[in-house]
Amino acid sequence: MEKAKKMKIFLSIVLIFFILVPAVYYISVDRLRVDEEVKGERDISGVPYIINMAPIIANVGEEYLYVPSLVDIDNLSADLVLELVESPSWLFLEDGIIRGVPPYDSEGAYEFTLRVSDGENSSVRKSYILVEDLDEE
């Protein structure tokens, strides 16, 4: 009789273990998913990104230059691909350098977008340029 009682207790503990452990696991996974969706928290350890800021002032008729510094924890910088996704017509990408000459009568604010990729992960950086004409001042 004592053996039967011990067996019932043991089976109860095993049953509780098999019910609670998966439930706790799924609750914690759902909580991580909610944290990511609500708080915007993500694991970015393998994502390449640009670490320096673009110059924000360009002068009409003078060359604008920006050399983005690329970083990725699990790839060499030489293996990363930089792409100019969106830009004013006078701005272009050549050998990893963003360059261009703002034409006359192009004063104003411009936006350009860069994407850096390691073939699996990528990130995007939007930057802004204020084009000024020094001759008008």
C-alpha atoms as a PDB file:
ATOM      1  CA  MET A   1       0.000   0.000   0.000  1.00  0.00           C
ATOM      2  CA  GLU A   2       2.879   2.326   0.856  1.00  0.00           C
ATOM      3  CA  LYS A   3       4.436   1.574  -2.545  1.00  0.00           C
ATOM      4  CA  ALA A   4       1.229   2.544  -4.340  1.00  0.00           C
ATOM      5  CA  LYS A   5       1.129   5.867  -2.484  1.00  0.00           C
ATOM      6  CA  LYS A   6       4.763   6.601  -3.373  1.00  0.00           C
ATOM      7  CA  MET A   7       4.071   5.673  -7.001  1.00  0.00           C
ATOM      8  CA  LYS A   8       1.077   8.080  -7.156  1.00  0.00           C
ATOM      9  CA  ILE A   9       3.208  10.900  -5.728  1.00  0.00           C
ATOM     10  CA  PHE A  10       6.009  10.167  -8.185  1.00  0.00           C
ATOM     11  CA  LEU A  11       3.616  10.081 -11.177  1.00  0.00           C
ATOM     12  CA  SER A  12       1.972  13.309 -10.000  1.00  0.00           C
ATOM     13  CA  ILE A  13       5.355  15.032  -9.867  1.00  0.00           C
ATOM     14  CA  VAL A  14       6.313  13.728 -13.327  1.00  0.00           C
ATOM     15  CA  LEU A  15       2.938  14.817 -14.755  1.00  0.00           C
ATOM     16  CA  ILE A  16       3.283  18.294 -13.237  1.00  0.00           C
ATOM     17  CA  PHE A  17       6.823  18.530 -14.620  1.00  0.00           C
ATOM     18  CA  PHE A  18       5.668  17.658 -18.152  1.00  0.00           C
ATOM     19  CA  ILE A  19       2.849  20.199 -17.962  1.00  0.00           C
ATOM     20  CA  LEU A  20       4.679  23.110 -16.320  1.00  0.00           C
ATOM     21  CA  VAL A  21       8.015  23.040 -18.155  1.00  0.00           C
ATOM     22  CA  PRO A  22       6.534  23.416 -21.682  1.00  0.00           C
ATOM     23  CA  ALA A  23       4.059  26.015 -20.394  1.00  0.00           C
ATOM     24  CA  VAL A  24       6.856  28.089 -18.853  1.00  0.00           C
ATOM     25  CA  TYR A  25       8.906  27.760 -22.047  1.00  0.00           C
ATOM     26  CA  TYR A  26       6.051  28.941 -24.296  1.00  0.00           C
ATOM     27  CA  ILE A  27       5.214  31.815 -21.969  1.00  0.00           C
ATOM     28  CA  SER A  28       8.842  33.005 -21.992  1.00  0.00           C
ATOM     29  CA  VAL A  29       9.067  32.699 -25.808  1.00  0.00           C
ATOM     30  CA  ASP A  30       5.819  34.666 -26.184  1.00  0.00           C
ATOM     31  CA  ARG A  31       7.141  37.293 -23.772  1.00  0.00           C
ATOM     32  CA  LEU A  32      10.317  37.688 -25.840  1.00  0.00           C
ATOM     33  CA  ARG A  33       8.221  38.026 -28.994  1.00  0.00           C
ATOM     34  CA  VAL A  34       6.042  40.679 -27.318  1.00  0.00           C
ATOM     35  CA  ASP A  35       9.140  42.521 -26.067  1.00  0.00           C
ATOM     36  CA  GLU A  36      10.509  42.553 -29.617  1.00  0.00           C
ATOM     37  CA  GLU A  37       7.243  43.775 -31.134  1.00  0.00           C
ATOM     38  CA  VAL A  38       6.337  46.323 -28.468  1.00  0.00           C
ATOM     39  CA  LYS A  39       9.691  47.617 -27.296  1.00  0.00           C
ATOM     40  CA  GLY A  40      11.518  47.208 -30.586  1.00  0.00           C
ATOM     41  CA  GLU A  41      14.191  45.072 -28.937  1.00  0.00           C
ATOM     42  CA  ARG A  42      16.038  42.771 -31.308  1.00  0.00           C
ATOM     43  CA  ASP A  43      19.251  40.828 -31.363  1.00  0.00           C
ATOM     44  CA  ILE A  44      21.399  42.850 -33.762  1.00  0.00           C
ATOM     45  CA  SER A  45      24.663  41.030 -33.173  1.00  0.00           C
ATOM     46  CA  GLY A  46      25.025  39.801 -36.777  1.00  0.00           C
ATOM     47  CA  VAL A  47      23.655  42.836 -38.611  1.00  0.00           C
ATOM     48  CA  PRO A  48      26.079  45.094 -40.498  1.00  0.00           C
ATOM     49  CA  TYR A  49      25.691  48.825 -40.009  1.00  0.00           C
ATOM     50  CA  ILE A  50      27.210  52.233 -40.740  1.00  0.00           C
ATOM     51  CA  ILE A  51      28.899  53.792 -37.709  1.00  0.00           C
ATOM     52  CA  ASN A  52      29.702  57.339 -38.861  1.00  0.00           C
ATOM     53  CA  MET A  53      27.453  60.222 -39.828  1.00  0.00           C
ATOM     54  CA  ALA A  54      27.374  61.875 -43.234  1.00  0.00           C
ATOM     55  CA  PRO A  55      28.333  65.557 -43.494  1.00  0.00           C
ATOM     56  CA  ILE A  56      25.126  67.571 -43.426  1.00  0.00           C
ATOM     57  CA  ILE A  57      26.275  70.654 -45.368  1.00  0.00           C
ATOM     58  CA  ALA A  58      27.127  70.771 -49.071  1.00  0.00           C
ATOM     59  CA  ASN A  59      27.911  73.838 -51.147  1.00  0.00           C
ATOM     60  CA  VAL A  60      26.621  74.469 -54.650  1.00  0.00           C
ATOM     61  CA  GLY A  61      29.320  73.741 -57.228  1.00  0.00           C
ATOM     62  CA  GLU A  62      31.638  72.027 -54.704  1.00  0.00           C
ATOM     63  CA  GLU A  63      32.174  68.287 -54.364  1.00  0.00           C
ATOM     64  CA  TYR A  64      30.360  66.569 -51.505  1.00  0.00           C
ATOM     65  CA  LEU A  65      32.212  63.530 -50.090  1.00  0.00           C
ATOM     66  CA  TYR A  66      31.186  60.949 -47.527  1.00  0.00           C
ATOM     67  CA  VAL A  67      33.112  57.755 -46.733  1.00  0.00           C
ATOM     68  CA  PRO A  68      30.813  55.464 -44.722  1.00  0.00           C
ATOM     69  CA  SER A  69      32.514  53.299 -42.066  1.00  0.00           C
ATOM     70  CA  LEU A  70      30.962  49.827 -42.162  1.00  0.00           C
ATOM     71  CA  VAL A  71      30.998  47.345 -39.278  1.00  0.00           C
ATOM     72  CA  ASP A  72      29.759  43.780 -38.870  1.00  0.00           C
ATOM     73  CA  ILE A  73      30.636  41.550 -35.951  1.00  0.00           C
ATOM     74  CA  ASP A  74      30.760  38.330 -37.979  1.00  0.00           C
ATOM     75  CA  ASN A  75      32.140  39.560 -41.346  1.00  0.00           C
ATOM     76  CA  LEU A  76      35.082  41.583 -42.591  1.00  0.00           C
ATOM     77  CA  SER A  77      34.337  45.129 -43.759  1.00  0.00           C
ATOM     78  CA  ALA A  78      35.704  44.205 -47.198  1.00  0.00           C
ATOM     79  CA  ASP A  79      32.973  41.537 -47.532  1.00  0.00           C
ATOM     80  CA  LEU A  80      30.130  44.010 -46.937  1.00  0.00           C
ATOM     81  CA  VAL A  81      28.126  45.479 -49.817  1.00  0.00           C
ATOM     82  CA  LEU A  82      27.151  49.152 -49.743  1.00  0.00           C
ATOM     83  CA  GLU A  83      24.274  50.344 -51.915  1.00  0.00           C
ATOM     84  CA  LEU A  84      22.881  53.826 -52.535  1.00  0.00           C
ATOM     85  CA  VAL A  85      19.154  53.108 -52.460  1.00  0.00           C
ATOM     86  CA  GLU A  86      17.708  56.597 -52.839  1.00  0.00           C
ATOM     87  CA  SER A  87      19.418  59.923 -53.508  1.00  0.00           C
ATOM     88  CA  PRO A  88      19.248  63.217 -55.385  1.00  0.00           C
ATOM     89  CA  SER A  89      20.267  62.899 -59.055  1.00  0.00           C
ATOM     90  CA  TRP A  90      23.656  64.574 -58.485  1.00  0.00           C
ATOM     91  CA  LEU A  91      24.755  62.142 -55.741  1.00  0.00           C
ATOM     92  CA  PHE A  92      26.261  58.720 -56.517  1.00  0.00           C
ATOM     93  CA  LEU A  93      28.280  55.854 -55.023  1.00  0.00           C
ATOM     94  CA  GLU A  94      31.740  55.034 -56.362  1.00  0.00           C
ATOM     95  CA  ASP A  95      34.209  52.624 -54.711  1.00  0.00           C
ATOM     96  CA  GLY A  96      32.516  52.902 -51.314  1.00  0.00           C
ATOM     97  CA  ILE A  97      32.470  56.717 -51.397  1.00  0.00           C
ATOM     98  CA  ILE A  98      29.338  58.836 -51.673  1.00  0.00           C
ATOM     99  CA  ARG A  99      30.125  61.836 -53.835  1.00  0.00           C
ATOM    100  CA  GLY A 100      28.523  64.440 -55.987  1.00  0.00           C
ATOM    101  CA  VAL A 101      28.464  68.111 -56.922  1.00  0.00           C
ATOM    102  CA  PRO A 102      25.229  69.954 -56.154  1.00  0.00           C
ATOM    103  CA  PRO A 103      24.315  71.945 -59.289  1.00  0.00           C
ATOM    104  CA  TYR A 104      23.566  75.650 -59.263  1.00  0.00           C
ATOM    105  CA  ASP A 105      20.042  76.567 -58.133  1.00  0.00           C
ATOM    106  CA  SER A 106      19.779  73.372 -56.068  1.00  0.00           C
ATOM    107  CA  GLU A 107      19.694  74.951 -52.611  1.00  0.00           C
ATOM    108  CA  GLY A 108      17.565  73.083 -50.112  1.00  0.00           C
ATOM    109  CA  ALA A 109      17.342  69.909 -48.077  1.00  0.00           C
ATOM    110  CA  TYR A 110      17.949  66.482 -49.606  1.00  0.00           C
ATOM    111  CA  GLU A 111      17.668  62.949 -48.276  1.00  0.00           C
ATOM    112  CA  PHE A 112      19.663  59.893 -49.274  1.00  0.00           C
ATOM    113  CA  THR A 113      19.431  56.281 -48.142  1.00  0.00           C
ATOM    114  CA  LEU A 114      22.245  53.741 -47.869  1.00  0.00           C
ATOM    115  CA  ARG A 115      21.937  50.000 -47.352  1.00  0.00           C
ATOM    116  CA  VAL A 116      24.771  47.833 -46.063  1.00  0.00           C
ATOM    117  CA  SER A 117      24.501  44.055 -46.412  1.00  0.00           C
ATOM    118  CA  ASP A 118      26.556  40.980 -45.622  1.00  0.00           C
ATOM    119  CA  GLY A 119      24.491  38.779 -47.938  1.00  0.00           C
ATOM    120  CA  GLU A 120      22.230  37.559 -45.142  1.00  0.00           C
ATOM    121  CA  ASN A 121      21.491  40.600 -42.955  1.00  0.00           C
ATOM    122  CA  SER A 122      21.250  44.258 -43.866  1.00  0.00           C
ATOM    123  CA  SER A 123      20.528  47.644 -42.360  1.00  0.00           C
ATOM    124  CA  VAL A 124      19.493  50.985 -43.786  1.00  0.00           C
ATOM    125  CA  ARG A 125      20.679  54.488 -42.879  1.00  0.00           C
ATOM    126  CA  LYS A 126      18.895  57.665 -43.950  1.00  0.00           C
ATOM    127  CA  SER A 127      20.957  60.830 -44.067  1.00  0.00           C
ATOM    128  CA  TYR A 128      20.199  64.446 -44.909  1.00  0.00           C
ATOM    129  CA  ILE A 129      22.139  67.118 -46.755  1.00  0.00           C
ATOM    130  CA  LEU A 130      21.510  70.857 -46.666  1.00  0.00           C
ATOM    131  CA  VAL A 131      22.763  72.411 -49.897  1.00  0.00           C
ATOM    132  CA  GLU A 132      23.768  76.071 -49.591  1.00  0.00           C
ATOM    133  CA  ASP A 133      24.922  78.602 -52.157  1.00  0.00           C
ATOM    134  CA  LEU A 134      27.783  80.622 -50.654  1.00  0.00           C
ATOM    135  CA  ASP A 135      27.630  83.174 -53.497  1.00  0.00           C
ATOM    136  CA  GLU A 136      24.132  84.326 -52.486  1.00  0.00           C
ATOM    137  CA  GLU A 137      25.206  85.408 -48.996  1.00  0.00           C
END
